[in-house]
Amino acid sequence: MEKRKIRINAMDFVIVAVILAAAALLLYVFLWSDESETTQKKTAEITYVVEIVGVDEQFQHNIQDGQRVEDAVKRGYIGTVKGTPEVRDMLKAEYDNTAGKEVYNRVPGKCNLYITITSEADVSPRGYSVNGEFVYVGAQLSLMFPDMKCDGYCIRLDAAE
């Protein structure tokens, strides 16, 4: 049985050079080209409203003006409560057979809170982020206040750049 010799020719060098060039290009695009963006961070003052649905009425006064708001998952600061939260009755949609239409009835003992929060946010092409948490209309947020923890959705966002 004969031993095969490994032969390296010019085409092998060309293939290796193309692979190295492609890897260098990918590293440049994804790693080194972003350095200019990180040195120039734009910030903006944002005000956003979070809707908390189904809060027991006994807890509706636990959130006060000026309280610190933290992300309940990451435990980072995401703003300050601005003003007293708006309290509205929680309504449940039901079908009324006699009238033949949908009606909205109040749910006893429950309410919806609308909390306005202000914060300094980083501005990027993807949107606004506060301490690494992206804030946008429709975002689900887990909020922690000094006397309460709750989950809600951002329903309005205003920015002053």
Protein backbone atom coordinates (compact mmCIF):
# COMPACT_ATOMS: atom_id res chain seq x y z
CA MET A 1 0.00 0.00 0.00
CA GLU A 2 1.39 3.32 -1.05
CA LYS A 3 1.35 6.43 1.06
CA ARG A 4 -0.34 9.45 -0.55
CA LYS A 5 1.54 12.67 -0.56
CA ILE A 6 -0.27 15.86 0.33
CA ARG A 7 0.34 18.44 -2.34
CA ILE A 8 -0.35 22.13 -1.90
CA ASN A 9 -0.78 24.19 -5.02
CA ALA A 10 -1.54 27.84 -5.83
CA MET A 11 -5.31 27.30 -5.88
CA ASP A 12 -5.24 26.20 -2.23
CA PHE A 13 -3.59 29.50 -1.29
CA VAL A 14 -6.25 31.44 -3.21
CA ILE A 15 -9.08 29.64 -1.39
CA VAL A 16 -7.51 30.27 2.03
CA ALA A 17 -6.94 33.95 1.13
CA VAL A 18 -10.62 34.38 0.10
CA ILE A 19 -11.84 32.79 3.35
CA LEU A 20 -9.56 35.03 5.46
CA ALA A 21 -10.69 38.13 3.55
CA ALA A 22 -14.36 37.26 4.10
CA ALA A 23 -13.76 36.70 7.82
CA ALA A 24 -11.92 40.02 8.13
CA LEU A 25 -14.75 41.83 6.33
CA LEU A 26 -17.37 40.32 8.65
CA LEU A 27 -15.35 41.26 11.73
CA TYR A 28 -14.99 44.82 10.47
CA VAL A 29 -18.69 45.21 9.71
CA PHE A 30 -20.00 43.76 12.96
CA LEU A 31 -17.33 44.66 15.50
CA TRP A 32 -15.03 47.47 14.54
CA SER A 33 -17.37 49.74 12.55
CA ASP A 34 -19.72 50.30 15.54
CA GLU A 35 -17.09 52.09 17.67
CA SER A 36 -17.98 55.53 16.28
CA GLU A 37 -21.63 55.13 17.35
CA THR A 38 -20.81 54.23 20.94
CA THR A 39 -18.67 57.32 21.48
CA GLN A 40 -21.48 59.68 20.42
CA LYS A 41 -24.56 58.70 22.41
CA LYS A 42 -27.61 60.85 21.85
CA THR A 43 -30.05 61.19 24.71
CA ALA A 44 -33.57 62.56 24.99
CA GLU A 45 -36.02 63.26 27.76
CA ILE A 46 -38.99 60.92 27.26
CA THR A 47 -42.40 60.77 28.89
CA TYR A 48 -44.37 57.57 28.55
CA VAL A 49 -47.67 56.25 29.90
CA VAL A 50 -48.05 52.67 31.13
CA GLU A 51 -51.49 51.05 31.45
CA ILE A 52 -51.85 48.61 34.36
CA VAL A 53 -55.04 46.53 34.03
CA GLY A 54 -56.92 44.78 36.84
CA VAL A 55 -55.41 46.38 39.95
CA ASP A 56 -57.25 45.76 43.23
CA GLU A 57 -58.85 49.03 44.34
CA GLN A 58 -57.12 48.79 47.72
CA PHE A 59 -53.75 49.28 45.96
CA GLN A 60 -54.69 52.17 43.67
CA HIS A 61 -53.04 54.78 45.92
CA ASN A 62 -49.72 52.92 46.36
CA ILE A 63 -48.11 54.79 43.46
CA GLN A 64 -47.35 58.46 44.14
CA ASP A 65 -45.80 61.40 42.30
CA GLY A 66 -41.99 61.43 42.35
CA GLN A 67 -41.50 57.75 43.14
CA ARG A 68 -38.59 55.88 41.59
CA VAL A 69 -39.54 53.27 38.96
CA GLU A 70 -37.37 50.20 38.38
CA ASP A 71 -37.52 47.35 35.90
CA ALA A 72 -38.74 44.41 37.99
CA VAL A 73 -36.75 41.90 35.91
CA LYS A 74 -33.34 43.59 35.52
CA ARG A 75 -33.63 45.73 38.68
CA GLY A 76 -32.49 48.87 36.89
CA TYR A 77 -33.79 52.43 37.09
CA ILE A 78 -36.22 53.27 34.27
CA GLY A 79 -37.76 56.56 35.37
CA THR A 80 -39.71 58.62 37.86
CA VAL A 81 -43.49 58.83 38.32
CA LYS A 82 -44.81 62.17 37.07
CA GLY A 83 -48.07 63.27 38.66
CA THR A 84 -50.72 61.15 40.31
CA PRO A 85 -51.70 58.07 38.27
CA GLU A 86 -55.10 58.25 36.59
CA VAL A 87 -57.57 55.68 37.94
CA ARG A 88 -60.37 54.34 35.73
CA ASP A 89 -62.95 51.62 36.28
CA MET A 90 -62.09 48.22 34.86
CA LEU A 91 -64.69 47.24 32.30
CA LYS A 92 -65.57 43.75 31.10
CA ALA A 93 -67.19 43.15 27.70
CA GLU A 94 -70.29 40.95 27.82
CA TYR A 95 -73.06 40.16 25.37
CA ASP A 96 -76.58 41.28 26.35
CA ASN A 97 -79.07 38.80 24.87
CA THR A 98 -82.11 40.99 25.47
CA ALA A 99 -80.63 44.05 23.74
CA GLY A 100 -78.72 41.96 21.19
CA LYS A 101 -75.46 43.88 21.55
CA GLU A 102 -72.20 43.96 23.45
CA VAL A 103 -72.16 45.95 26.69
CA TYR A 104 -69.34 46.96 29.03
CA ASN A 105 -69.93 46.36 32.72
CA ARG A 106 -67.79 47.55 35.61
CA VAL A 107 -65.75 44.86 37.41
CA PRO A 108 -66.30 45.36 41.14
CA GLY A 109 -63.15 45.83 43.21
CA LYS A 110 -60.86 46.30 40.20
CA CYS A 111 -59.49 49.36 38.39
CA ASN A 112 -57.03 50.33 35.65
CA LEU A 113 -54.09 52.64 36.40
CA TYR A 114 -52.46 54.97 33.86
CA ILE A 115 -49.01 55.90 35.14
CA THR A 116 -46.97 58.68 33.52
CA ILE A 117 -43.19 58.14 33.78
CA THR A 118 -40.36 60.47 32.78
CA SER A 119 -36.79 59.43 32.10
CA GLU A 120 -33.58 60.21 30.24
CA ALA A 121 -33.30 57.74 27.33
CA ASP A 122 -30.54 56.77 24.91
CA VAL A 123 -31.51 57.33 21.29
CA SER A 124 -30.45 54.78 18.69
CA PRO A 125 -31.66 53.78 15.23
CA ARG A 126 -33.72 51.06 16.96
CA GLY A 127 -35.54 53.53 19.24
CA TYR A 128 -35.38 54.73 22.83
CA SER A 129 -33.80 52.71 25.63
CA VAL A 130 -33.63 53.45 29.33
CA ASN A 131 -30.90 51.57 31.17
CA GLY A 132 -30.90 48.87 28.47
CA GLU A 133 -34.70 48.45 28.40
CA PHE A 134 -36.31 49.49 25.10
CA VAL A 135 -39.39 51.67 25.53
CA TYR A 136 -41.90 51.91 22.69
CA VAL A 137 -45.67 51.95 22.28
CA GLY A 138 -46.84 48.39 22.83
CA ALA A 139 -43.84 47.33 24.93
CA GLN A 140 -44.66 45.13 27.90
CA LEU A 141 -42.96 46.48 31.01
CA SER A 142 -42.53 44.91 34.44
CA LEU A 143 -42.44 47.81 36.87
CA MET A 144 -41.42 47.95 40.50
CA PHE A 145 -42.33 50.85 42.77
CA PRO A 146 -41.45 51.24 46.47
CA ASP A 147 -44.81 49.71 47.54
CA MET A 148 -45.91 47.74 44.48
CA LYS A 149 -44.83 45.48 41.60
CA CYS A 150 -46.95 45.27 38.44
CA ASP A 151 -46.90 44.53 34.71
CA GLY A 152 -48.34 46.75 32.01
CA TYR A 153 -48.06 48.04 28.47
CA CYS A 154 -46.72 51.35 27.21
CA ILE A 155 -49.64 53.09 25.48
CA ARG A 156 -48.11 56.50 24.76
CA LEU A 157 -44.61 57.88 24.27
CA ASP A 158 -43.51 61.50 23.87
CA ALA A 159 -39.91 62.59 23.38
CA ALA A 160 -38.28 66.00 23.74
CA GLU A 161 -34.98 65.80 21.84
